[in-house]
Amino acid sequence: MGPVSFERRVRDDPGNYRDIRIAVKYADPGITSPTGPLKGLDPTARIPEKFDVSWINSKGFPDRSIFPNEAISEGGVR
């Protein structure tokens, strides 16, 4: 399931997605990216590597999905 599919599921069945929390995960600042080291880089300039989404479903149980931050093709739609 991709992010768009997840958003549609929430829209179509909001009662099954309560208390949604999104944690944005960034790369370890100690590693080197293709453009250089991340240490000392302003956090607002860093690009997330994934989004960890958790929620409580309609039965009261926790659920979770992880979405990698992937580039889309030119002209693509998310």
N, C-alpha and C. Protein backbone atom coordinates (compact mmCIF):
# COMPACT_ATOMS: atom_id res chain seq x y z
N MET A 1 0.86 -1.17 0.00
CA MET A 1 0.00 0.00 0.00
C MET A 1 0.90 1.23 0.00
N GLY A 2 0.67 2.14 -0.92
CA GLY A 2 1.43 3.37 -0.99
C GLY A 2 0.73 4.49 -0.24
N PRO A 3 1.39 5.65 -0.13
CA PRO A 3 0.80 6.77 0.61
C PRO A 3 -0.56 7.21 0.08
N VAL A 4 -0.72 7.24 -1.25
CA VAL A 4 -2.00 7.68 -1.82
C VAL A 4 -3.08 6.68 -1.46
N SER A 5 -2.76 5.40 -1.58
CA SER A 5 -3.72 4.36 -1.23
C SER A 5 -4.11 4.47 0.25
N PHE A 6 -3.13 4.74 1.12
CA PHE A 6 -3.40 4.90 2.54
C PHE A 6 -4.33 6.08 2.77
N GLU A 7 -4.04 7.21 2.13
CA GLU A 7 -4.88 8.40 2.28
C GLU A 7 -6.31 8.11 1.84
N ARG A 8 -6.47 7.37 0.76
CA ARG A 8 -7.83 7.03 0.28
C ARG A 8 -8.55 6.14 1.27
N ARG A 9 -7.82 5.18 1.86
CA ARG A 9 -8.45 4.29 2.84
C ARG A 9 -8.92 5.08 4.06
N VAL A 10 -8.11 6.03 4.51
CA VAL A 10 -8.51 6.87 5.66
C VAL A 10 -9.74 7.69 5.29
N ARG A 11 -9.73 8.27 4.10
CA ARG A 11 -10.86 9.09 3.66
C ARG A 11 -12.14 8.25 3.57
N ASP A 12 -12.02 7.02 3.05
CA ASP A 12 -13.19 6.18 2.83
C ASP A 12 -13.70 5.49 4.10
N ASP A 13 -12.85 5.33 5.10
CA ASP A 13 -13.23 4.63 6.33
C ASP A 13 -12.55 5.30 7.54
N PRO A 14 -12.88 6.56 7.83
CA PRO A 14 -12.19 7.28 8.90
C PRO A 14 -12.32 6.64 10.28
N GLY A 15 -13.37 5.90 10.53
CA GLY A 15 -13.55 5.25 11.83
C GLY A 15 -12.53 4.16 12.09
N ASN A 16 -11.87 3.67 11.05
CA ASN A 16 -10.87 2.62 11.20
C ASN A 16 -9.47 3.19 11.39
N TYR A 17 -9.35 4.51 11.40
CA TYR A 17 -8.05 5.17 11.52
C TYR A 17 -8.15 6.30 12.55
N ARG A 18 -8.09 5.92 13.82
CA ARG A 18 -8.19 6.91 14.89
C ARG A 18 -6.81 7.18 15.48
N ASP A 19 -6.61 8.38 15.95
CA ASP A 19 -5.36 8.75 16.62
C ASP A 19 -4.15 8.50 15.72
N ILE A 20 -4.22 8.99 14.49
CA ILE A 20 -3.12 8.81 13.53
C ILE A 20 -1.92 9.63 13.97
N ARG A 21 -0.77 8.99 13.97
CA ARG A 21 0.49 9.66 14.31
C ARG A 21 1.51 9.37 13.21
N ILE A 22 2.20 10.40 12.80
CA ILE A 22 3.20 10.26 11.74
C ILE A 22 4.56 10.66 12.28
N ALA A 23 5.51 9.72 12.23
CA ALA A 23 6.89 10.00 12.64
C ALA A 23 7.73 10.08 11.38
N VAL A 24 8.41 11.18 11.21
CA VAL A 24 9.27 11.38 10.05
C VAL A 24 10.67 10.93 10.45
N LYS A 25 11.22 9.97 9.69
CA LYS A 25 12.54 9.42 10.01
C LYS A 25 13.57 9.96 9.02
N TYR A 26 14.61 10.57 9.58
CA TYR A 26 15.70 11.11 8.77
C TYR A 26 16.91 10.18 8.84
N ALA A 27 17.79 10.29 7.87
CA ALA A 27 19.02 9.50 7.86
C ALA A 27 19.87 9.85 9.07
N ASP A 28 20.67 8.91 9.50
CA ASP A 28 21.61 9.13 10.60
C ASP A 28 22.56 10.26 10.22
N PRO A 29 22.69 11.30 11.05
CA PRO A 29 23.54 12.43 10.68
C PRO A 29 25.02 12.06 10.58
N GLY A 30 25.41 10.90 11.09
CA GLY A 30 26.80 10.49 11.02
C GLY A 30 27.20 9.87 9.69
N ILE A 31 26.23 9.60 8.82
CA ILE A 31 26.55 8.96 7.54
C ILE A 31 26.83 10.01 6.47
N THR A 32 27.34 9.56 5.36
CA THR A 32 27.61 10.46 4.24
C THR A 32 26.60 10.17 3.15
N SER A 33 25.98 11.23 2.65
CA SER A 33 25.01 11.09 1.56
C SER A 33 25.77 11.32 0.25
N PRO A 34 25.12 11.12 -0.90
CA PRO A 34 25.79 11.38 -2.18
C PRO A 34 26.28 12.82 -2.31
N THR A 35 25.69 13.73 -1.54
CA THR A 35 26.10 15.14 -1.65
C THR A 35 27.03 15.57 -0.52
N GLY A 36 27.44 14.62 0.34
CA GLY A 36 28.37 14.95 1.42
C GLY A 36 27.85 14.53 2.77
N PRO A 37 28.62 14.79 3.84
CA PRO A 37 28.19 14.37 5.17
C PRO A 37 26.97 15.16 5.64
N LEU A 38 26.17 14.52 6.47
CA LEU A 38 24.96 15.16 6.99
C LEU A 38 25.21 15.89 8.30
N LYS A 39 26.32 15.59 8.97
CA LYS A 39 26.62 16.21 10.26
C LYS A 39 26.70 17.73 10.09
N GLY A 40 26.01 18.44 10.95
CA GLY A 40 26.01 19.89 10.90
C GLY A 40 25.02 20.48 9.91
N LEU A 41 24.37 19.63 9.13
CA LEU A 41 23.38 20.11 8.16
C LEU A 41 22.13 20.55 8.91
N ASP A 42 21.61 21.70 8.58
CA ASP A 42 20.39 22.20 9.19
C ASP A 42 19.29 21.16 9.02
N PRO A 43 18.65 20.71 10.11
CA PRO A 43 17.61 19.68 9.99
C PRO A 43 16.50 20.04 9.01
N THR A 44 16.21 21.31 8.82
CA THR A 44 15.16 21.68 7.88
C THR A 44 15.59 21.45 6.44
N ALA A 45 16.89 21.26 6.21
CA ALA A 45 17.40 21.02 4.85
C ALA A 45 17.52 19.54 4.54
N ARG A 46 17.32 18.68 5.55
CA ARG A 46 17.45 17.24 5.34
C ARG A 46 16.17 16.66 4.76
N ILE A 47 16.30 15.62 3.96
CA ILE A 47 15.16 14.97 3.33
C ILE A 47 14.84 13.69 4.09
N PRO A 48 13.57 13.48 4.46
CA PRO A 48 13.22 12.26 5.19
C PRO A 48 13.49 11.01 4.35
N GLU A 49 13.89 9.93 5.02
CA GLU A 49 14.06 8.68 4.29
C GLU A 49 12.81 7.81 4.38
N LYS A 50 11.98 8.01 5.44
CA LYS A 50 10.73 7.26 5.52
C LYS A 50 9.77 7.95 6.48
N PHE A 51 8.50 7.53 6.39
CA PHE A 51 7.44 8.03 7.25
C PHE A 51 6.81 6.82 7.94
N ASP A 52 6.79 6.83 9.25
CA ASP A 52 6.25 5.74 10.05
C ASP A 52 4.89 6.21 10.56
N VAL A 53 3.82 5.58 10.08
CA VAL A 53 2.45 6.00 10.41
C VAL A 53 1.82 4.94 11.31
N SER A 54 1.28 5.38 12.44
CA SER A 54 0.59 4.46 13.33
C SER A 54 -0.78 5.02 13.67
N TRP A 55 -1.70 4.13 14.02
CA TRP A 55 -3.06 4.53 14.34
C TRP A 55 -3.74 3.42 15.14
N ILE A 56 -4.92 3.71 15.65
CA ILE A 56 -5.75 2.73 16.33
C ILE A 56 -6.90 2.38 15.38
N ASN A 57 -7.08 1.08 15.12
CA ASN A 57 -8.14 0.68 14.18
C ASN A 57 -9.50 0.63 14.89
N SER A 58 -10.53 0.31 14.12
CA SER A 58 -11.91 0.34 14.64
C SER A 58 -12.15 -0.69 15.75
N LYS A 59 -11.28 -1.70 15.85
CA LYS A 59 -11.42 -2.71 16.90
C LYS A 59 -10.62 -2.33 18.15
N GLY A 60 -9.95 -1.15 18.09
CA GLY A 60 -9.19 -0.68 19.24
C GLY A 60 -7.76 -1.18 19.29
N PHE A 61 -7.30 -1.81 18.21
CA PHE A 61 -5.94 -2.34 18.17
C PHE A 61 -5.01 -1.41 17.41
N PRO A 62 -3.76 -1.34 17.85
CA PRO A 62 -2.80 -0.50 17.11
C PRO A 62 -2.45 -1.12 15.76
N ASP A 63 -2.23 -0.26 14.80
CA ASP A 63 -1.83 -0.69 13.46
C ASP A 63 -0.73 0.25 12.99
N ARG A 64 -0.04 -0.13 11.92
CA ARG A 64 1.12 0.66 11.50
C ARG A 64 1.49 0.36 10.06
N SER A 65 1.98 1.38 9.37
CA SER A 65 2.55 1.24 8.02
C SER A 65 3.77 2.13 7.94
N ILE A 66 4.76 1.69 7.18
CA ILE A 66 5.96 2.49 6.94
C ILE A 66 6.03 2.78 5.45
N PHE A 67 6.19 4.06 5.13
CA PHE A 67 6.26 4.49 3.74
C PHE A 67 7.64 5.07 3.45
N PRO A 68 8.41 4.44 2.57
CA PRO A 68 9.70 5.03 2.20
C PRO A 68 9.47 6.29 1.38
N ASN A 69 10.35 7.24 1.52
CA ASN A 69 10.26 8.48 0.75
C ASN A 69 10.96 8.24 -0.58
N GLU A 70 10.18 7.96 -1.61
CA GLU A 70 10.72 7.61 -2.91
C GLU A 70 10.42 8.71 -3.92
N ALA A 71 11.35 8.91 -4.82
CA ALA A 71 11.14 9.86 -5.89
C ALA A 71 10.09 9.33 -6.87
N ILE A 72 9.32 10.22 -7.44
CA ILE A 72 8.36 9.82 -8.46
C ILE A 72 8.90 10.23 -9.82
N SER A 73 8.45 9.55 -10.84
CA SER A 73 8.94 9.86 -12.18
C SER A 73 8.45 11.26 -12.59
N GLU A 74 9.17 11.85 -13.50
CA GLU A 74 8.83 13.19 -13.99
C GLU A 74 7.38 13.21 -14.49
N GLY A 75 6.59 14.11 -13.97
CA GLY A 75 5.19 14.20 -14.37
C GLY A 75 4.28 13.22 -13.65
N GLY A 76 4.87 12.44 -12.72
CA GLY A 76 4.09 11.45 -11.99
C GLY A 76 3.20 12.09 -10.94
N VAL A 77 2.28 11.29 -10.44
CA VAL A 77 1.34 11.76 -9.41
C VAL A 77 1.45 10.84 -8.22
N ARG A 78 1.41 11.41 -7.04
CA ARG A 78 1.42 10.58 -5.82
C ARG A 78 0.02 10.34 -5.36
